[in-house]
Amino acid sequence: MISKKLISIFQEEFKIDAVLRKKLLNNKVDIRLNTFQNWDSMKHVKLLIKIEKRFKIKINSKNENFFHSFKTSVKYLSKNFD
């Protein structure tokens, strides 16, 4: 499942607790670049690199806008790589 693979990356990078993890997986909340704790541009680059490795994809100027939130990332990956 795409969302479970992705949540493990987010947990590693942002130290997400069990409550937030469950809410993200159940589509109850979303977290976004520059609005979530410590998700700044440097953390974003690290996150993108990990996503590329885990999903064996290339993130570039054509698709990078889909990776600014957890929900849009899941949606993009599910549509294109499931």
PDB file of N, CA and C in Angstrom:
ATOM      1  N   MET A   1       0.846  -1.188   0.000  1.00  0.00           N
ATOM      2  CA  MET A   1       0.000   0.000   0.000  1.00  0.00           C
ATOM      3  C   MET A   1       0.891   1.251   0.000  1.00  0.00           C
ATOM      4  N   ILE A   2       0.630   2.130  -0.913  1.00  0.00           N
ATOM      5  CA  ILE A   2       1.431   3.341  -1.104  1.00  0.00           C
ATOM      6  C   ILE A   2       1.488   4.186   0.166  1.00  0.00           C
ATOM      7  N   SER A   3       0.354   4.436   0.783  1.00  0.00           N
ATOM      8  CA  SER A   3       0.330   5.333   1.940  1.00  0.00           C
ATOM      9  C   SER A   3       1.154   4.792   3.103  1.00  0.00           C
ATOM     10  N   LYS A   4       1.188   3.482   3.282  1.00  0.00           N
ATOM     11  CA  LYS A   4       1.982   2.913   4.374  1.00  0.00           C
ATOM     12  C   LYS A   4       3.476   3.014   4.104  1.00  0.00           C
ATOM     13  N   LYS A   5       3.867   2.844   2.849  1.00  0.00           N
ATOM     14  CA  LYS A   5       5.277   3.031   2.492  1.00  0.00           C
ATOM     15  C   LYS A   5       5.681   4.487   2.710  1.00  0.00           C
ATOM     16  N   LEU A   6       4.803   5.386   2.279  1.00  0.00           N
ATOM     17  CA  LEU A   6       5.093   6.809   2.375  1.00  0.00           C
ATOM     18  C   LEU A   6       5.102   7.278   3.827  1.00  0.00           C
ATOM     19  N   ILE A   7       4.179   6.785   4.631  1.00  0.00           N
ATOM     20  CA  ILE A   7       4.111   7.225   6.027  1.00  0.00           C
ATOM     21  C   ILE A   7       5.383   6.839   6.771  1.00  0.00           C
ATOM     22  N   SER A   8       5.996   5.734   6.405  1.00  0.00           N
ATOM     23  CA  SER A   8       7.235   5.338   7.079  1.00  0.00           C
ATOM     24  C   SER A   8       8.345   6.355   6.821  1.00  0.00           C
ATOM     25  N   ILE A   9       8.374   6.933   5.641  1.00  0.00           N
ATOM     26  CA  ILE A   9       9.358   7.979   5.331  1.00  0.00           C
ATOM     27  C   ILE A   9       9.053   9.227   6.148  1.00  0.00           C
ATOM     28  N   PHE A  10       7.792   9.609   6.203  1.00  0.00           N
ATOM     29  CA  PHE A  10       7.391  10.785   6.974  1.00  0.00           C
ATOM     30  C   PHE A  10       7.669  10.591   8.468  1.00  0.00           C
ATOM     31  N   GLN A  11       7.428   9.393   8.961  1.00  0.00           N
ATOM     32  CA  GLN A  11       7.702   9.113  10.374  1.00  0.00           C
ATOM     33  C   GLN A  11       9.196   9.266  10.671  1.00  0.00           C
ATOM     34  N   GLU A  12       9.998   8.758   9.781  1.00  0.00           N
ATOM     35  CA  GLU A  12      11.444   8.836   9.948  1.00  0.00           C
ATOM     36  C   GLU A  12      11.935  10.284   9.945  1.00  0.00           C
ATOM     37  N   GLU A  13      11.412  11.065   9.030  1.00  0.00           N
ATOM     38  CA  GLU A  13      11.867  12.448   8.892  1.00  0.00           C
ATOM     39  C   GLU A  13      11.287  13.397   9.938  1.00  0.00           C
ATOM     40  N   PHE A  14      10.012  13.207  10.283  1.00  0.00           N
ATOM     41  CA  PHE A  14       9.327  14.175  11.129  1.00  0.00           C
ATOM     42  C   PHE A  14       8.943  13.657  12.508  1.00  0.00           C
ATOM     43  N   LYS A  15       9.323  12.425  12.821  1.00  0.00           N
ATOM     44  CA  LYS A  15       9.019  11.843  14.144  1.00  0.00           C
ATOM     45  C   LYS A  15       7.522  11.918  14.449  1.00  0.00           C
ATOM     46  N   ILE A  16       6.718  11.491  13.507  1.00  0.00           N
ATOM     47  CA  ILE A  16       5.256  11.504  13.631  1.00  0.00           C
ATOM     48  C   ILE A  16       4.833  10.481  14.685  1.00  0.00           C
ATOM     49  N   ASP A  17       3.937  10.902  15.567  1.00  0.00           N
ATOM     50  CA  ASP A  17       3.452   9.986  16.604  1.00  0.00           C
ATOM     51  C   ASP A  17       2.324   9.104  16.057  1.00  0.00           C
ATOM     52  N   ALA A  18       1.911   8.134  16.858  1.00  0.00           N
ATOM     53  CA  ALA A  18       0.911   7.147  16.437  1.00  0.00           C
ATOM     54  C   ALA A  18      -0.443   7.779  16.109  1.00  0.00           C
ATOM     55  N   VAL A  19      -0.824   8.788  16.863  1.00  0.00           N
ATOM     56  CA  VAL A  19      -2.119   9.448  16.641  1.00  0.00           C
ATOM     57  C   VAL A  19      -2.135  10.145  15.281  1.00  0.00           C
ATOM     58  N   LEU A  20      -1.113  10.920  15.000  1.00  0.00           N
ATOM     59  CA  LEU A  20      -1.045  11.620  13.715  1.00  0.00           C
ATOM     60  C   LEU A  20      -0.903  10.619  12.574  1.00  0.00           C
ATOM     61  N   ARG A  21      -0.133   9.581  12.779  1.00  0.00           N
ATOM     62  CA  ARG A  21       0.036   8.542  11.756  1.00  0.00           C
ATOM     63  C   ARG A  21      -1.323   7.970  11.370  1.00  0.00           C
ATOM     64  N   LYS A  22      -2.127   7.632  12.364  1.00  0.00           N
ATOM     65  CA  LYS A  22      -3.448   7.056  12.109  1.00  0.00           C
ATOM     66  C   LYS A  22      -4.346   8.045  11.363  1.00  0.00           C
ATOM     67  N   LYS A  23      -4.300   9.310  11.774  1.00  0.00           N
ATOM     68  CA  LYS A  23      -5.114  10.336  11.108  1.00  0.00           C
ATOM     69  C   LYS A  23      -4.697  10.525   9.649  1.00  0.00           C
ATOM     70  N   LEU A  24      -3.386  10.498   9.407  1.00  0.00           N
ATOM     71  CA  LEU A  24      -2.898  10.627   8.029  1.00  0.00           C
ATOM     72  C   LEU A  24      -3.337   9.440   7.182  1.00  0.00           C
ATOM     73  N   LEU A  25      -3.191   8.242   7.714  1.00  0.00           N
ATOM     74  CA  LEU A  25      -3.561   7.046   6.968  1.00  0.00           C
ATOM     75  C   LEU A  25      -5.059   6.950   6.721  1.00  0.00           C
ATOM     76  N   ASN A  26      -5.853   7.506   7.626  1.00  0.00           N
ATOM     77  CA  ASN A  26      -7.313   7.501   7.463  1.00  0.00           C
ATOM     78  C   ASN A  26      -7.824   8.730   6.722  1.00  0.00           C
ATOM     79  N   ASN A  27      -6.904   9.536   6.232  1.00  0.00           N
ATOM     80  CA  ASN A  27      -7.244  10.724   5.439  1.00  0.00           C
ATOM     81  C   ASN A  27      -8.048  11.752   6.236  1.00  0.00           C
ATOM     82  N   LYS A  28      -7.796  11.835   7.533  1.00  0.00           N
ATOM     83  CA  LYS A  28      -8.502  12.784   8.408  1.00  0.00           C
ATOM     84  C   LYS A  28      -7.798  14.143   8.472  1.00  0.00           C
ATOM     85  N   VAL A  29      -6.480  14.140   8.311  1.00  0.00           N
ATOM     86  CA  VAL A  29      -5.689  15.366   8.330  1.00  0.00           C
ATOM     87  C   VAL A  29      -4.646  15.302   7.219  1.00  0.00           C
ATOM     88  N   ASP A  30      -4.006  16.422   6.996  1.00  0.00           N
ATOM     89  CA  ASP A  30      -2.918  16.493   6.028  1.00  0.00           C
ATOM     90  C   ASP A  30      -1.790  17.310   6.645  1.00  0.00           C
ATOM     91  N   ILE A  31      -0.583  17.053   6.211  1.00  0.00           N
ATOM     92  CA  ILE A  31       0.553  17.887   6.603  1.00  0.00           C
ATOM     93  C   ILE A  31       1.196  18.420   5.339  1.00  0.00           C
ATOM     94  N   ARG A  32       1.718  19.654   5.438  1.00  0.00           N
ATOM     95  CA  ARG A  32       2.221  20.340   4.245  1.00  0.00           C
ATOM     96  C   ARG A  32       3.581  20.991   4.489  1.00  0.00           C
ATOM     97  N   LEU A  33       4.296  21.149   3.403  1.00  0.00           N
ATOM     98  CA  LEU A  33       5.567  21.861   3.402  1.00  0.00           C
ATOM     99  C   LEU A  33       5.371  23.269   3.960  1.00  0.00           C
ATOM    100  N   ASN A  34       6.259  23.703   4.795  1.00  0.00           N
ATOM    101  CA  ASN A  34       6.298  25.037   5.414  1.00  0.00           C
ATOM    102  C   ASN A  34       5.170  25.316   6.406  1.00  0.00           C
ATOM    103  N   THR A  35       4.294  24.354   6.653  1.00  0.00           N
ATOM    104  CA  THR A  35       3.266  24.559   7.676  1.00  0.00           C
ATOM    105  C   THR A  35       3.353  23.521   8.782  1.00  0.00           C
ATOM    106  N   PHE A  36       3.976  22.395   8.507  1.00  0.00           N
ATOM    107  CA  PHE A  36       4.131  21.344   9.504  1.00  0.00           C
ATOM    108  C   PHE A  36       5.491  21.488  10.181  1.00  0.00           C
ATOM    109  N   GLN A  37       5.550  21.102  11.442  1.00  0.00           N
ATOM    110  CA  GLN A  37       6.766  21.208  12.254  1.00  0.00           C
ATOM    111  C   GLN A  37       8.028  20.775  11.496  1.00  0.00           C
ATOM    112  N   ASN A  38       8.950  21.651  11.374  1.00  0.00           N
ATOM    113  CA  ASN A  38      10.271  21.376  10.779  1.00  0.00           C
ATOM    114  C   ASN A  38      10.262  20.950   9.315  1.00  0.00           C
ATOM    115  N   TRP A  39       9.128  21.031   8.639  1.00  0.00           N
ATOM    116  CA  TRP A  39       9.121  20.687   7.213  1.00  0.00           C
ATOM    117  C   TRP A  39       9.481  21.941   6.430  1.00  0.00           C
ATOM    118  N   ASP A  40      10.772  22.183   6.390  1.00  0.00           N
ATOM    119  CA  ASP A  40      11.291  23.336   5.663  1.00  0.00           C
ATOM    120  C   ASP A  40      11.940  22.845   4.372  1.00  0.00           C
ATOM    121  N   SER A  41      12.589  23.738   3.649  1.00  0.00           N
ATOM    122  CA  SER A  41      13.147  23.382   2.344  1.00  0.00           C
ATOM    123  C   SER A  41      14.249  22.321   2.440  1.00  0.00           C
ATOM    124  N   MET A  42      15.051  22.379   3.477  1.00  0.00           N
ATOM    125  CA  MET A  42      16.115  21.380   3.626  1.00  0.00           C
ATOM    126  C   MET A  42      15.537  19.997   3.927  1.00  0.00           C
ATOM    127  N   LYS A  43      14.573  19.941   4.800  1.00  0.00           N
ATOM    128  CA  LYS A  43      13.911  18.677   5.125  1.00  0.00           C
ATOM    129  C   LYS A  43      13.179  18.146   3.892  1.00  0.00           C
ATOM    130  N   HIS A  44      12.642  19.061   3.098  1.00  0.00           N
ATOM    131  CA  HIS A  44      11.909  18.678   1.891  1.00  0.00           C
ATOM    132  C   HIS A  44      12.827  17.964   0.900  1.00  0.00           C
ATOM    133  N   VAL A  45      14.017  18.474   0.729  1.00  0.00           N
ATOM    134  CA  VAL A  45      14.983  17.840  -0.178  1.00  0.00           C
ATOM    135  C   VAL A  45      15.301  16.415   0.297  1.00  0.00           C
ATOM    136  N   LYS A  46      15.532  16.263   1.593  1.00  0.00           N
ATOM    137  CA  LYS A  46      15.805  14.930   2.142  1.00  0.00           C
ATOM    138  C   LYS A  46      14.617  13.997   1.926  1.00  0.00           C
ATOM    139  N   LEU A  47      13.424  14.522   2.127  1.00  0.00           N
ATOM    140  CA  LEU A  47      12.209  13.751   1.937  1.00  0.00           C
ATOM    141  C   LEU A  47      12.073  13.288   0.480  1.00  0.00           C
ATOM    142  N   LEU A  48      12.309  14.188  -0.454  1.00  0.00           N
ATOM    143  CA  LEU A  48      12.205  13.854  -1.878  1.00  0.00           C
ATOM    144  C   LEU A  48      13.210  12.773  -2.273  1.00  0.00           C
ATOM    145  N   ILE A  49      14.399  12.862  -1.755  1.00  0.00           N
ATOM    146  CA  ILE A  49      15.431  11.861  -2.052  1.00  0.00           C
ATOM    147  C   ILE A  49      14.998  10.483  -1.544  1.00  0.00           C
ATOM    148  N   LYS A  50      14.455  10.449  -0.341  1.00  0.00           N
ATOM    149  CA  LYS A  50      13.997   9.173   0.219  1.00  0.00           C
ATOM    150  C   LYS A  50      12.816   8.611  -0.570  1.00  0.00           C
ATOM    151  N   ILE A  51      11.911   9.471  -0.995  1.00  0.00           N
ATOM    152  CA  ILE A  51      10.772   9.021  -1.800  1.00  0.00           C
ATOM    153  C   ILE A  51      11.266   8.459  -3.127  1.00  0.00           C
ATOM    154  N   GLU A  52      12.205   9.137  -3.752  1.00  0.00           N
ATOM    155  CA  GLU A  52      12.762   8.645  -5.013  1.00  0.00           C
ATOM    156  C   GLU A  52      13.361   7.249  -4.844  1.00  0.00           C
ATOM    157  N   LYS A  53      14.116   7.062  -3.792  1.00  0.00           N
ATOM    158  CA  LYS A  53      14.750   5.760  -3.555  1.00  0.00           C
ATOM    159  C   LYS A  53      13.726   4.679  -3.246  1.00  0.00           C
ATOM    160  N   ARG A  54      12.796   4.974  -2.351  1.00  0.00           N
ATOM    161  CA  ARG A  54      11.821   3.967  -1.918  1.00  0.00           C
ATOM    162  C   ARG A  54      10.902   3.533  -3.056  1.00  0.00           C
ATOM    163  N   PHE A  55      10.471   4.503  -3.888  1.00  0.00           N
ATOM    164  CA  PHE A  55       9.507   4.201  -4.944  1.00  0.00           C
ATOM    165  C   PHE A  55      10.164   4.040  -6.320  1.00  0.00           C
ATOM    166  N   LYS A  56      11.482   4.194  -6.347  1.00  0.00           N
ATOM    167  CA  LYS A  56      12.241   4.056  -7.600  1.00  0.00           C
ATOM    168  C   LYS A  56      11.659   4.937  -8.712  1.00  0.00           C
ATOM    169  N   ILE A  57      11.527   6.230  -8.362  1.00  0.00           N
ATOM    170  CA  ILE A  57      11.007   7.210  -9.312  1.00  0.00           C
ATOM    171  C   ILE A  57      11.972   8.387  -9.392  1.00  0.00           C
ATOM    172  N   LYS A  58      11.729   9.239 -10.352  1.00  0.00           N
ATOM    173  CA  LYS A  58      12.478  10.480 -10.470  1.00  0.00           C
ATOM    174  C   LYS A  58      11.517  11.631 -10.213  1.00  0.00           C
ATOM    175  N   ILE A  59      11.860  12.477  -9.263  1.00  0.00           N
ATOM    176  CA  ILE A  59      11.059  13.671  -8.995  1.00  0.00           C
ATOM    177  C   ILE A  59      11.775  14.835  -9.669  1.00  0.00           C
ATOM    178  N   ASN A  60      11.031  15.523 -10.546  1.00  0.00           N
ATOM    179  CA  ASN A  60      11.615  16.626 -11.309  1.00  0.00           C
ATOM    180  C   ASN A  60      10.623  17.777 -11.379  1.00  0.00           C
ATOM    181  N   SER A  61      10.911  18.743 -12.210  1.00  0.00           N
ATOM    182  CA  SER A  61      10.063  19.938 -12.292  1.00  0.00           C
ATOM    183  C   SER A  61       8.645  19.626 -12.778  1.00  0.00           C
ATOM    184  N   LYS A  62       8.455  18.504 -13.444  1.00  0.00           N
ATOM    185  CA  LYS A  62       7.125  18.153 -13.947  1.00  0.00           C
ATOM    186  C   LYS A  62       6.222  17.564 -12.867  1.00  0.00           C
ATOM    187  N   ASN A  63       6.805  16.934 -11.866  1.00  0.00           N
ATOM    188  CA  ASN A  63       5.964  16.282 -10.857  1.00  0.00           C
ATOM    189  C   ASN A  63       6.235  16.731  -9.421  1.00  0.00           C
ATOM    190  N   GLU A  64       7.172  17.602  -9.208  1.00  0.00           N
ATOM    191  CA  GLU A  64       7.553  17.980  -7.840  1.00  0.00           C
ATOM    192  C   GLU A  64       6.441  18.684  -7.058  1.00  0.00           C
ATOM    193  N   ASN A  65       5.509  19.304  -7.735  1.00  0.00           N
ATOM    194  CA  ASN A  65       4.402  19.977  -7.043  1.00  0.00           C
ATOM    195  C   ASN A  65       3.467  19.003  -6.329  1.00  0.00           C
ATOM    196  N   PHE A  66       3.521  17.749  -6.703  1.00  0.00           N
ATOM    197  CA  PHE A  66       2.682  16.734  -6.065  1.00  0.00           C
ATOM    198  C   PHE A  66       3.235  16.277  -4.718  1.00  0.00           C
ATOM    199  N   PHE A  67       4.405  16.756  -4.354  1.00  0.00           N
ATOM    200  CA  PHE A  67       5.063  16.298  -3.137  1.00  0.00           C
ATOM    201  C   PHE A  67       5.165  17.381  -2.071  1.00  0.00           C
ATOM    202  N   HIS A  68       4.227  18.316  -2.076  1.00  0.00           N
ATOM    203  CA  HIS A  68       4.207  19.390  -1.077  1.00  0.00           C
ATOM    204  C   HIS A  68       3.287  19.096   0.092  1.00  0.00           C
ATOM    205  N   SER A  69       2.587  17.971   0.033  1.00  0.00           N
ATOM    206  CA  SER A  69       1.762  17.544   1.161  1.00  0.00           C
ATOM    207  C   SER A  69       1.682  16.025   1.159  1.00  0.00           C
ATOM    208  N   PHE A  70       1.302  15.480   2.287  1.00  0.00           N
ATOM    209  CA  PHE A  70       1.187  14.028   2.377  1.00  0.00           C
ATOM    210  C   PHE A  70       0.091  13.517   1.453  1.00  0.00           C
ATOM    211  N   LYS A  71      -1.078  14.153   1.492  1.00  0.00           N
ATOM    212  CA  LYS A  71      -2.218  13.706   0.683  1.00  0.00           C
ATOM    213  C   LYS A  71      -1.925  13.732  -0.813  1.00  0.00           C
ATOM    214  N   THR A  72      -1.358  14.821  -1.288  1.00  0.00           N
ATOM    215  CA  THR A  72      -1.093  14.908  -2.728  1.00  0.00           C
ATOM    216  C   THR A  72       0.000  13.923  -3.139  1.00  0.00           C
ATOM    217  N   SER A  73       0.925  13.651  -2.249  1.00  0.00           N
ATOM    218  CA  SER A  73       1.970  12.662  -2.534  1.00  0.00           C
ATOM    219  C   SER A  73       1.360  11.275  -2.695  1.00  0.00           C
ATOM    220  N   VAL A  74       0.490  10.916  -1.769  1.00  0.00           N
ATOM    221  CA  VAL A  74      -0.177   9.607  -1.832  1.00  0.00           C
ATOM    222  C   VAL A  74      -1.000   9.507  -3.110  1.00  0.00           C
ATOM    223  N   LYS A  75      -1.735  10.550  -3.402  1.00  0.00           N
ATOM    224  CA  LYS A  75      -2.595  10.559  -4.596  1.00  0.00           C
ATOM    225  C   LYS A  75      -1.755  10.381  -5.865  1.00  0.00           C
ATOM    226  N   TYR A  76      -0.677  11.133  -5.976  1.00  0.00           N
ATOM    227  CA  TYR A  76       0.184  11.036  -7.162  1.00  0.00           C
ATOM    228  C   TYR A  76       0.814   9.658  -7.270  1.00  0.00           C
ATOM    229  N   LEU A  77       1.373   9.164  -6.187  1.00  0.00           N
ATOM    230  CA  LEU A  77       2.045   7.859  -6.220  1.00  0.00           C
ATOM    231  C   LEU A  77       1.040   6.741  -6.506  1.00  0.00           C
ATOM    232  N   SER A  78      -0.139   6.814  -5.927  1.00  0.00           N
ATOM    233  CA  SER A  78      -1.162   5.789  -6.150  1.00  0.00           C
ATOM    234  C   SER A  78      -1.617   5.762  -7.605  1.00  0.00           C
ATOM    235  N   LYS A  79      -1.754   6.930  -8.164  1.00  0.00           N
ATOM    236  CA  LYS A  79      -2.218   7.036  -9.554  1.00  0.00           C
ATOM    237  C   LYS A  79      -1.158   6.561 -10.550  1.00  0.00           C
ATOM    238  N   ASN A  80       0.097   6.844 -10.237  1.00  0.00           N
ATOM    239  CA  ASN A  80       1.155   6.592 -11.219  1.00  0.00           C
ATOM    240  C   ASN A  80       2.036   5.373 -10.945  1.00  0.00           C
ATOM    241  N   PHE A  81       2.037   4.871  -9.731  1.00  0.00           N
ATOM    242  CA  PHE A  81       2.987   3.806  -9.409  1.00  0.00           C
ATOM    243  C   PHE A  81       2.393   2.652  -8.622  1.00  0.00           C
ATOM    244  N   ASP A  82       1.108   2.533  -8.580  1.00  0.00           N
ATOM    245  CA  ASP A  82       0.480   1.465  -7.816  1.00  0.00           C
ATOM    246  C   ASP A  82       0.385   0.196  -8.638  1.00  0.00           C
TER     247      ASP A  82
END
